[in-house]
Amino acid sequence: MNDDSDADFAIFGKTATQIDDDLAHRNTIIKHGLISDLSDLQLSSNADIATPQSVDDYLAASTPWIRLQSLFFSPLLLQDTELSKTGQRARRMPLIIGGIVAFTVSTVRLVSAYDEFVRSNVLTAWRTPETAKRRAADYSMLKALTLGMSTGIKAIVLTAGCYTFPLVLTAIQGKSSFWENAVGWGSACCLYCINRGRRQMLVAGLIAGVPGLIYGSVNLAVARKLGLTFEDMYRAYSSTLIQRNLQQ
């Protein structure tokens, strides 16, 4: 025994007992996956800490912030998932609708403001053709921009409150419910009436919350039927993420 120990010490620089201890530590490291280079799928049945090997582990470790990032700011490789597409629509739709409404209202107001200016100043002493054109253009542009911007911002608030904000609430709690749309619709209409007083804001929020509650209940039933609830989309997203991480 001593000869073997001396031989091991001569070869490895360690005694047999020290080598056995090192091997035991190595087996512990491999078993628990403490080093990613040693925790191969064939060597370890446990999931890697940095990159979970199962969907259930990923879902259990997810936080509201991770779910919000996955919904609205998913990586490029995962933008073909249904969850990412839903988040992209939720980000773009308020801006698109607000831009369309602002452009339409500005165009209509531009024409009506020009006609309004001409009619109201038809008998003024300074109304020469050149002066009239300049003044009419300034007046029309000011009215069109003012009304277009204010209407566009209101359209963005309404769209974000009715569509985007409910998704934010859903991602925070991690599951689809029937009340998010009621809260979103009520909040949007409440902010829409912010310049009309607190009572009007409260009344508008309560009135809008009723159809929001009905829509949320119907939408939840349809989503469960089609498998498009947040839980379903997030599970599919997690499965795709883990598969592509393993492929890499």
C-alpha atoms as a PDB file:
ATOM      1  CA  MET A   1       0.000   0.000   0.000  1.00  0.00           C
ATOM      2  CA  ASN A   2       2.812   2.360   0.877  1.00  0.00           C
ATOM      3  CA  ASP A   3       4.631   1.496  -2.366  1.00  0.00           C
ATOM      4  CA  ASP A   4       1.470   2.302  -4.384  1.00  0.00           C
ATOM      5  CA  SER A   5       1.019   5.549  -2.497  1.00  0.00           C
ATOM      6  CA  ASP A   6       4.643   6.494  -3.118  1.00  0.00           C
ATOM      7  CA  ALA A   7       4.247   5.673  -6.823  1.00  0.00           C
ATOM      8  CA  ASP A   8       1.098   7.803  -7.084  1.00  0.00           C
ATOM      9  CA  PHE A   9       2.870  10.640  -5.332  1.00  0.00           C
ATOM     10  CA  ALA A  10       5.791  10.365  -7.710  1.00  0.00           C
ATOM     11  CA  ILE A  11       3.510  10.448 -10.779  1.00  0.00           C
ATOM     12  CA  PHE A  12       0.735  12.872  -9.764  1.00  0.00           C
ATOM     13  CA  GLY A  13       2.393  14.812  -6.986  1.00  0.00           C
ATOM     14  CA  LYS A  14      -0.402  13.639  -4.635  1.00  0.00           C
ATOM     15  CA  THR A  15      -1.002  10.667  -2.414  1.00  0.00           C
ATOM     16  CA  ALA A  16      -3.706   8.079  -3.145  1.00  0.00           C
ATOM     17  CA  THR A  17      -5.950   9.558  -0.442  1.00  0.00           C
ATOM     18  CA  GLN A  18      -5.677  13.036  -1.951  1.00  0.00           C
ATOM     19  CA  ILE A  19      -6.462  11.665  -5.414  1.00  0.00           C
ATOM     20  CA  ASP A  20      -9.558   9.878  -4.068  1.00  0.00           C
ATOM     21  CA  ASP A  21     -10.726  13.136  -2.473  1.00  0.00           C
ATOM     22  CA  ASP A  22     -10.250  15.021  -5.757  1.00  0.00           C
ATOM     23  CA  LEU A  23     -12.236  12.395  -7.654  1.00  0.00           C
ATOM     24  CA  ALA A  24     -15.044  12.636  -5.101  1.00  0.00           C
ATOM     25  CA  HIS A  25     -15.129  16.427  -5.502  1.00  0.00           C
ATOM     26  CA  ARG A  26     -15.153  16.013  -9.281  1.00  0.00           C
ATOM     27  CA  ASN A  27     -18.124  13.639  -9.118  1.00  0.00           C
ATOM     28  CA  THR A  28     -20.014  16.092  -6.909  1.00  0.00           C
ATOM     29  CA  ILE A  29     -19.355  18.957  -9.317  1.00  0.00           C
ATOM     30  CA  ILE A  30     -20.489  16.926 -12.335  1.00  0.00           C
ATOM     31  CA  LYS A  31     -23.580  15.601 -10.578  1.00  0.00           C
ATOM     32  CA  HIS A  32     -24.867  19.001  -9.502  1.00  0.00           C
ATOM     33  CA  GLY A  33     -23.812  20.832 -12.651  1.00  0.00           C
ATOM     34  CA  LEU A  34     -21.706  23.413 -10.836  1.00  0.00           C
ATOM     35  CA  ILE A  35     -19.412  23.886 -13.847  1.00  0.00           C
ATOM     36  CA  SER A  36     -21.077  24.200 -17.231  1.00  0.00           C
ATOM     37  CA  ASP A  37     -18.171  22.581 -19.093  1.00  0.00           C
ATOM     38  CA  LEU A  38     -18.528  19.389 -17.041  1.00  0.00           C
ATOM     39  CA  SER A  39     -22.316  19.232 -16.772  1.00  0.00           C
ATOM     40  CA  ASP A  40     -23.142  17.429 -19.987  1.00  0.00           C
ATOM     41  CA  LEU A  41     -26.626  16.068 -20.613  1.00  0.00           C
ATOM     42  CA  GLN A  42     -25.271  12.508 -20.495  1.00  0.00           C
ATOM     43  CA  LEU A  43     -23.432  13.163 -17.229  1.00  0.00           C
ATOM     44  CA  SER A  44     -26.007  15.120 -15.269  1.00  0.00           C
ATOM     45  CA  SER A  45     -29.730  14.629 -14.867  1.00  0.00           C
ATOM     46  CA  ASN A  46     -30.168  18.038 -13.231  1.00  0.00           C
ATOM     47  CA  ALA A  47     -30.859  21.259 -15.123  1.00  0.00           C
ATOM     48  CA  ASP A  48     -28.083  23.761 -15.621  1.00  0.00           C
ATOM     49  CA  ILE A  49     -28.480  26.815 -13.400  1.00  0.00           C
ATOM     50  CA  ALA A  50     -27.704  29.452 -16.033  1.00  0.00           C
ATOM     51  CA  THR A  51     -29.705  27.783 -18.826  1.00  0.00           C
ATOM     52  CA  PRO A  52     -32.625  25.671 -17.538  1.00  0.00           C
ATOM     53  CA  GLN A  53     -33.068  22.415 -19.407  1.00  0.00           C
ATOM     54  CA  SER A  54     -36.853  22.168 -18.876  1.00  0.00           C
ATOM     55  CA  VAL A  55     -39.787  24.465 -19.524  1.00  0.00           C
ATOM     56  CA  ASP A  56     -41.109  24.018 -15.996  1.00  0.00           C
ATOM     57  CA  ASP A  57     -37.806  25.194 -14.503  1.00  0.00           C
ATOM     58  CA  TYR A  58     -37.817  28.266 -16.742  1.00  0.00           C
ATOM     59  CA  LEU A  59     -41.423  29.112 -15.888  1.00  0.00           C
ATOM     60  CA  ALA A  60     -40.774  28.666 -12.179  1.00  0.00           C
ATOM     61  CA  ALA A  61     -37.756  30.994 -12.320  1.00  0.00           C
ATOM     62  CA  SER A  62     -39.461  33.707 -14.388  1.00  0.00           C
ATOM     63  CA  THR A  63     -40.226  37.086 -12.823  1.00  0.00           C
ATOM     64  CA  PRO A  64     -42.612  39.871 -13.924  1.00  0.00           C
ATOM     65  CA  TRP A  65     -39.668  41.774 -15.410  1.00  0.00           C
ATOM     66  CA  ILE A  66     -38.526  38.725 -17.415  1.00  0.00           C
ATOM     67  CA  ARG A  67     -42.054  38.179 -18.715  1.00  0.00           C
ATOM     68  CA  LEU A  68     -42.356  41.835 -19.756  1.00  0.00           C
ATOM     69  CA  GLN A  69     -39.014  41.636 -21.567  1.00  0.00           C
ATOM     70  CA  SER A  70     -40.072  38.423 -23.293  1.00  0.00           C
ATOM     71  CA  LEU A  71     -43.352  40.016 -24.385  1.00  0.00           C
ATOM     72  CA  PHE A  72     -42.176  43.410 -25.638  1.00  0.00           C
ATOM     73  CA  PHE A  73     -38.407  43.060 -26.191  1.00  0.00           C
ATOM     74  CA  SER A  74     -37.776  39.454 -27.185  1.00  0.00           C
ATOM     75  CA  PRO A  75     -34.487  38.503 -28.933  1.00  0.00           C
ATOM     76  CA  LEU A  76     -34.332  38.450 -32.714  1.00  0.00           C
ATOM     77  CA  LEU A  77     -34.191  34.655 -32.810  1.00  0.00           C
ATOM     78  CA  LEU A  78     -37.522  34.452 -30.963  1.00  0.00           C
ATOM     79  CA  GLN A  79     -39.503  37.113 -32.796  1.00  0.00           C
ATOM     80  CA  ASP A  80     -41.341  34.451 -34.786  1.00  0.00           C
ATOM     81  CA  THR A  81     -43.112  33.204 -31.654  1.00  0.00           C
ATOM     82  CA  GLU A  82     -46.734  34.138 -30.997  1.00  0.00           C
ATOM     83  CA  LEU A  83     -45.810  35.882 -27.739  1.00  0.00           C
ATOM     84  CA  SER A  84     -43.295  38.132 -29.489  1.00  0.00           C
ATOM     85  CA  LYS A  85     -45.733  38.943 -32.298  1.00  0.00           C
ATOM     86  CA  THR A  86     -48.367  39.926 -29.746  1.00  0.00           C
ATOM     87  CA  GLY A  87     -45.891  42.223 -28.000  1.00  0.00           C
ATOM     88  CA  GLN A  88     -44.839  43.830 -31.277  1.00  0.00           C
ATOM     89  CA  ARG A  89     -48.472  44.544 -32.165  1.00  0.00           C
ATOM     90  CA  ALA A  90     -49.056  46.009 -28.720  1.00  0.00           C
ATOM     91  CA  ARG A  91     -46.097  48.368 -29.146  1.00  0.00           C
ATOM     92  CA  ARG A  92     -46.851  49.487 -32.680  1.00  0.00           C
ATOM     93  CA  MET A  93     -50.629  49.688 -32.734  1.00  0.00           C
ATOM     94  CA  PRO A  94     -51.015  52.809 -30.507  1.00  0.00           C
ATOM     95  CA  LEU A  95     -48.437  54.716 -32.562  1.00  0.00           C
ATOM     96  CA  ILE A  96     -49.920  53.626 -35.886  1.00  0.00           C
ATOM     97  CA  ILE A  97     -53.492  54.468 -34.905  1.00  0.00           C
ATOM     98  CA  GLY A  98     -52.401  57.753 -33.325  1.00  0.00           C
ATOM     99  CA  GLY A  99     -50.482  58.721 -36.475  1.00  0.00           C
ATOM    100  CA  ILE A 100     -53.396  57.854 -38.772  1.00  0.00           C
ATOM    101  CA  VAL A 101     -55.872  59.801 -36.631  1.00  0.00           C
ATOM    102  CA  ALA A 102     -53.539  62.804 -36.344  1.00  0.00           C
ATOM    103  CA  PHE A 103     -52.898  62.921 -40.105  1.00  0.00           C
ATOM    104  CA  THR A 104     -56.593  62.568 -40.978  1.00  0.00           C
ATOM    105  CA  VAL A 105     -57.760  65.207 -38.504  1.00  0.00           C
ATOM    106  CA  SER A 106     -54.964  67.606 -39.508  1.00  0.00           C
ATOM    107  CA  THR A 107     -55.830  67.295 -43.202  1.00  0.00           C
ATOM    108  CA  VAL A 108     -59.535  67.903 -42.632  1.00  0.00           C
ATOM    109  CA  ARG A 109     -58.844  70.778 -40.261  1.00  0.00           C
ATOM    110  CA  LEU A 110     -56.384  72.341 -42.706  1.00  0.00           C
ATOM    111  CA  VAL A 111     -59.064  72.644 -45.380  1.00  0.00           C
ATOM    112  CA  SER A 112     -61.776  73.830 -43.023  1.00  0.00           C
ATOM    113  CA  ALA A 113     -59.468  76.334 -41.304  1.00  0.00           C
ATOM    114  CA  TYR A 114     -58.512  77.908 -44.644  1.00  0.00           C
ATOM    115  CA  ASP A 115     -62.144  78.284 -45.615  1.00  0.00           C
ATOM    116  CA  GLU A 116     -62.943  79.640 -42.160  1.00  0.00           C
ATOM    117  CA  PHE A 117     -60.191  82.248 -42.414  1.00  0.00           C
ATOM    118  CA  VAL A 118     -61.231  83.414 -45.873  1.00  0.00           C
ATOM    119  CA  ARG A 119     -64.876  83.781 -44.863  1.00  0.00           C
ATOM    120  CA  SER A 120     -64.113  85.667 -41.644  1.00  0.00           C
ATOM    121  CA  ASN A 121     -61.663  88.113 -43.282  1.00  0.00           C
ATOM    122  CA  VAL A 122     -63.348  88.702 -46.604  1.00  0.00           C
ATOM    123  CA  LEU A 123     -64.110  92.369 -45.801  1.00  0.00           C
ATOM    124  CA  THR A 124     -60.912  93.377 -43.941  1.00  0.00           C
ATOM    125  CA  ALA A 125     -58.911  96.299 -45.282  1.00  0.00           C
ATOM    126  CA  TRP A 126     -55.539  94.515 -45.334  1.00  0.00           C
ATOM    127  CA  ARG A 127     -56.777  91.559 -47.381  1.00  0.00           C
ATOM    128  CA  THR A 128     -54.649  91.746 -50.507  1.00  0.00           C
ATOM    129  CA  PRO A 129     -54.139  88.477 -52.420  1.00  0.00           C
ATOM    130  CA  GLU A 130     -50.558  88.013 -51.165  1.00  0.00           C
ATOM    131  CA  THR A 131     -51.310  88.887 -47.573  1.00  0.00           C
ATOM    132  CA  ALA A 132     -54.401  86.730 -47.568  1.00  0.00           C
ATOM    133  CA  LYS A 133     -52.433  83.695 -48.758  1.00  0.00           C
ATOM    134  CA  ARG A 134     -49.733  84.090 -46.119  1.00  0.00           C
ATOM    135  CA  ARG A 135     -52.147  84.736 -43.293  1.00  0.00           C
ATOM    136  CA  ALA A 136     -54.465  81.942 -44.367  1.00  0.00           C
ATOM    137  CA  ALA A 137     -51.559  79.480 -44.578  1.00  0.00           C
ATOM    138  CA  ASP A 138     -50.268  80.408 -41.110  1.00  0.00           C
ATOM    139  CA  TYR A 139     -53.716  80.247 -39.561  1.00  0.00           C
ATOM    140  CA  SER A 140     -54.601  76.961 -41.244  1.00  0.00           C
ATOM    141  CA  MET A 141     -51.315  75.235 -40.339  1.00  0.00           C
ATOM    142  CA  LEU A 142     -51.550  76.327 -36.706  1.00  0.00           C
ATOM    143  CA  LYS A 143     -55.108  75.072 -36.330  1.00  0.00           C
ATOM    144  CA  ALA A 144     -54.366  71.822 -38.167  1.00  0.00           C
ATOM    145  CA  LEU A 145     -51.229  71.020 -36.150  1.00  0.00           C
ATOM    146  CA  THR A 146     -52.847  71.889 -32.821  1.00  0.00           C
ATOM    147  CA  LEU A 147     -55.952  69.806 -33.380  1.00  0.00           C
ATOM    148  CA  GLY A 148     -54.070  66.966 -35.086  1.00  0.00           C
ATOM    149  CA  MET A 149     -51.505  66.598 -32.292  1.00  0.00           C
ATOM    150  CA  SER A 150     -54.065  66.757 -29.495  1.00  0.00           C
ATOM    151  CA  THR A 151     -56.352  64.254 -31.208  1.00  0.00           C
ATOM    152  CA  GLY A 152     -53.444  61.947 -32.072  1.00  0.00           C
ATOM    153  CA  ILE A 153     -52.207  61.911 -28.467  1.00  0.00           C
ATOM    154  CA  LYS A 154     -55.708  61.094 -27.239  1.00  0.00           C
ATOM    155  CA  ALA A 155     -55.929  58.265 -29.766  1.00  0.00           C
ATOM    156  CA  ILE A 156     -52.580  56.888 -28.535  1.00  0.00           C
ATOM    157  CA  VAL A 157     -53.761  57.024 -24.923  1.00  0.00           C
ATOM    158  CA  LEU A 158     -57.024  55.260 -25.737  1.00  0.00           C
ATOM    159  CA  THR A 159     -55.372  52.557 -27.847  1.00  0.00           C
ATOM    160  CA  ALA A 160     -52.568  51.932 -25.360  1.00  0.00           C
ATOM    161  CA  GLY A 161     -55.025  51.784 -22.483  1.00  0.00           C
ATOM    162  CA  CYS A 162     -57.443  49.451 -24.244  1.00  0.00           C
ATOM    163  CA  TYR A 163     -54.883  47.115 -25.850  1.00  0.00           C
ATOM    164  CA  THR A 164     -51.335  47.504 -24.503  1.00  0.00           C
ATOM    165  CA  PHE A 165     -51.959  48.165 -20.811  1.00  0.00           C
ATOM    166  CA  PRO A 166     -54.052  44.980 -20.304  1.00  0.00           C
ATOM    167  CA  LEU A 167     -51.157  42.963 -21.749  1.00  0.00           C
ATOM    168  CA  VAL A 168     -48.783  44.613 -19.281  1.00  0.00           C
ATOM    169  CA  LEU A 169     -51.030  43.580 -16.392  1.00  0.00           C
ATOM    170  CA  THR A 170     -51.268  40.062 -17.814  1.00  0.00           C
ATOM    171  CA  ALA A 171     -47.481  39.736 -18.107  1.00  0.00           C
ATOM    172  CA  ILE A 172     -46.967  41.007 -14.557  1.00  0.00           C
ATOM    173  CA  GLN A 173     -49.265  38.406 -13.025  1.00  0.00           C
ATOM    174  CA  GLY A 174     -48.186  35.709 -15.497  1.00  0.00           C
ATOM    175  CA  LYS A 175     -51.630  34.575 -16.618  1.00  0.00           C
ATOM    176  CA  SER A 176     -54.662  35.807 -18.533  1.00  0.00           C
ATOM    177  CA  SER A 177     -57.674  37.012 -16.556  1.00  0.00           C
ATOM    178  CA  PHE A 178     -60.980  38.701 -17.310  1.00  0.00           C
ATOM    179  CA  TRP A 179     -60.417  41.957 -15.399  1.00  0.00           C
ATOM    180  CA  GLU A 180     -57.359  43.396 -17.188  1.00  0.00           C
ATOM    181  CA  ASN A 181     -59.425  44.866 -20.027  1.00  0.00           C
ATOM    182  CA  ALA A 182     -61.830  46.480 -17.569  1.00  0.00           C
ATOM    183  CA  VAL A 183     -58.919  48.175 -15.794  1.00  0.00           C
ATOM    184  CA  GLY A 184     -57.289  49.189 -19.090  1.00  0.00           C
ATOM    185  CA  TRP A 185     -60.435  50.588 -20.686  1.00  0.00           C
ATOM    186  CA  GLY A 186     -61.422  52.405 -17.511  1.00  0.00           C
ATOM    187  CA  SER A 187     -57.955  53.920 -17.064  1.00  0.00           C
ATOM    188  CA  ALA A 188     -57.800  55.056 -20.694  1.00  0.00           C
ATOM    189  CA  CYS A 189     -61.177  56.805 -20.595  1.00  0.00           C
ATOM    190  CA  CYS A 190     -60.326  58.284 -17.210  1.00  0.00           C
ATOM    191  CA  LEU A 191     -57.160  59.868 -18.635  1.00  0.00           C
ATOM    192  CA  TYR A 192     -59.064  60.974 -21.741  1.00  0.00           C
ATOM    193  CA  CYS A 193     -61.303  63.140 -19.529  1.00  0.00           C
ATOM    194  CA  ILE A 194     -58.477  64.485 -17.372  1.00  0.00           C
ATOM    195  CA  ASN A 195     -59.194  68.119 -18.350  1.00  0.00           C
ATOM    196  CA  ARG A 196     -62.891  67.864 -17.494  1.00  0.00           C
ATOM    197  CA  GLY A 197     -62.678  67.358 -13.749  1.00  0.00           C
ATOM    198  CA  ARG A 198     -62.384  64.503 -11.282  1.00  0.00           C
ATOM    199  CA  ARG A 199     -66.056  63.604 -11.316  1.00  0.00           C
ATOM    200  CA  GLN A 200     -66.127  63.269 -15.093  1.00  0.00           C
ATOM    201  CA  MET A 201     -62.946  61.193 -14.968  1.00  0.00           C
ATOM    202  CA  LEU A 202     -64.461  58.826 -12.407  1.00  0.00           C
ATOM    203  CA  VAL A 203     -67.736  58.489 -14.312  1.00  0.00           C
ATOM    204  CA  ALA A 204     -65.942  57.863 -17.615  1.00  0.00           C
ATOM    205  CA  GLY A 205     -63.705  55.232 -16.030  1.00  0.00           C
ATOM    206  CA  LEU A 206     -66.616  53.372 -14.450  1.00  0.00           C
ATOM    207  CA  ILE A 207     -68.703  53.471 -17.623  1.00  0.00           C
ATOM    208  CA  ALA A 208     -65.818  52.214 -19.784  1.00  0.00           C
ATOM    209  CA  GLY A 209     -64.999  49.487 -17.275  1.00  0.00           C
ATOM    210  CA  VAL A 210     -68.320  47.706 -17.852  1.00  0.00           C
ATOM    211  CA  PRO A 211     -67.833  46.906 -21.579  1.00  0.00           C
ATOM    212  CA  GLY A 212     -64.181  46.216 -20.803  1.00  0.00           C
ATOM    213  CA  LEU A 213     -65.229  43.588 -18.287  1.00  0.00           C
ATOM    214  CA  ILE A 214     -67.600  41.988 -20.785  1.00  0.00           C
ATOM    215  CA  TYR A 215     -64.978  42.033 -23.541  1.00  0.00           C
ATOM    216  CA  GLY A 216     -62.342  40.614 -21.192  1.00  0.00           C
ATOM    217  CA  SER A 217     -64.566  37.694 -20.210  1.00  0.00           C
ATOM    218  CA  VAL A 218     -65.419  36.854 -23.823  1.00  0.00           C
ATOM    219  CA  ASN A 219     -61.804  37.304 -24.925  1.00  0.00           C
ATOM    220  CA  LEU A 220     -60.559  35.000 -22.155  1.00  0.00           C
ATOM    221  CA  ALA A 221     -63.043  32.281 -23.126  1.00  0.00           C
ATOM    222  CA  VAL A 222     -62.045  32.502 -26.799  1.00  0.00           C
ATOM    223  CA  ALA A 223     -58.317  32.539 -25.952  1.00  0.00           C
ATOM    224  CA  ARG A 224     -58.676  29.399 -23.849  1.00  0.00           C
ATOM    225  CA  LYS A 225     -60.570  27.725 -26.652  1.00  0.00           C
ATOM    226  CA  LEU A 226     -57.876  28.593 -29.218  1.00  0.00           C
ATOM    227  CA  GLY A 227     -54.915  28.061 -26.898  1.00  0.00           C
ATOM    228  CA  LEU A 228     -53.859  31.723 -27.056  1.00  0.00           C
ATOM    229  CA  THR A 229     -53.832  32.648 -23.390  1.00  0.00           C
ATOM    230  CA  PHE A 230     -50.692  34.250 -21.989  1.00  0.00           C
ATOM    231  CA  GLU A 231     -49.813  30.993 -20.231  1.00  0.00           C
ATOM    232  CA  ASP A 232     -49.980  29.065 -23.514  1.00  0.00           C
ATOM    233  CA  MET A 233     -47.969  31.624 -25.474  1.00  0.00           C
ATOM    234  CA  TYR A 234     -45.349  31.982 -22.742  1.00  0.00           C
ATOM    235  CA  ARG A 235     -44.935  28.212 -22.423  1.00  0.00           C
ATOM    236  CA  ALA A 236     -44.432  27.928 -26.202  1.00  0.00           C
ATOM    237  CA  TYR A 237     -41.965  30.842 -26.052  1.00  0.00           C
ATOM    238  CA  SER A 238     -40.040  29.170 -23.214  1.00  0.00           C
ATOM    239  CA  SER A 239     -39.923  25.856 -25.069  1.00  0.00           C
ATOM    240  CA  THR A 240     -38.549  27.538 -28.200  1.00  0.00           C
ATOM    241  CA  LEU A 241     -35.986  29.473 -26.153  1.00  0.00           C
ATOM    242  CA  ILE A 242     -34.662  26.362 -24.411  1.00  0.00           C
ATOM    243  CA  GLN A 243     -34.512  24.338 -27.628  1.00  0.00           C
ATOM    244  CA  ARG A 244     -32.473  27.014 -29.401  1.00  0.00           C
ATOM    245  CA  ASN A 245     -30.165  27.432 -26.425  1.00  0.00           C
ATOM    246  CA  LEU A 246     -29.492  23.690 -26.450  1.00  0.00           C
ATOM    247  CA  GLN A 247     -28.836  23.764 -30.196  1.00  0.00           C
ATOM    248  CA  GLN A 248     -26.248  26.484 -29.695  1.00  0.00           C
END
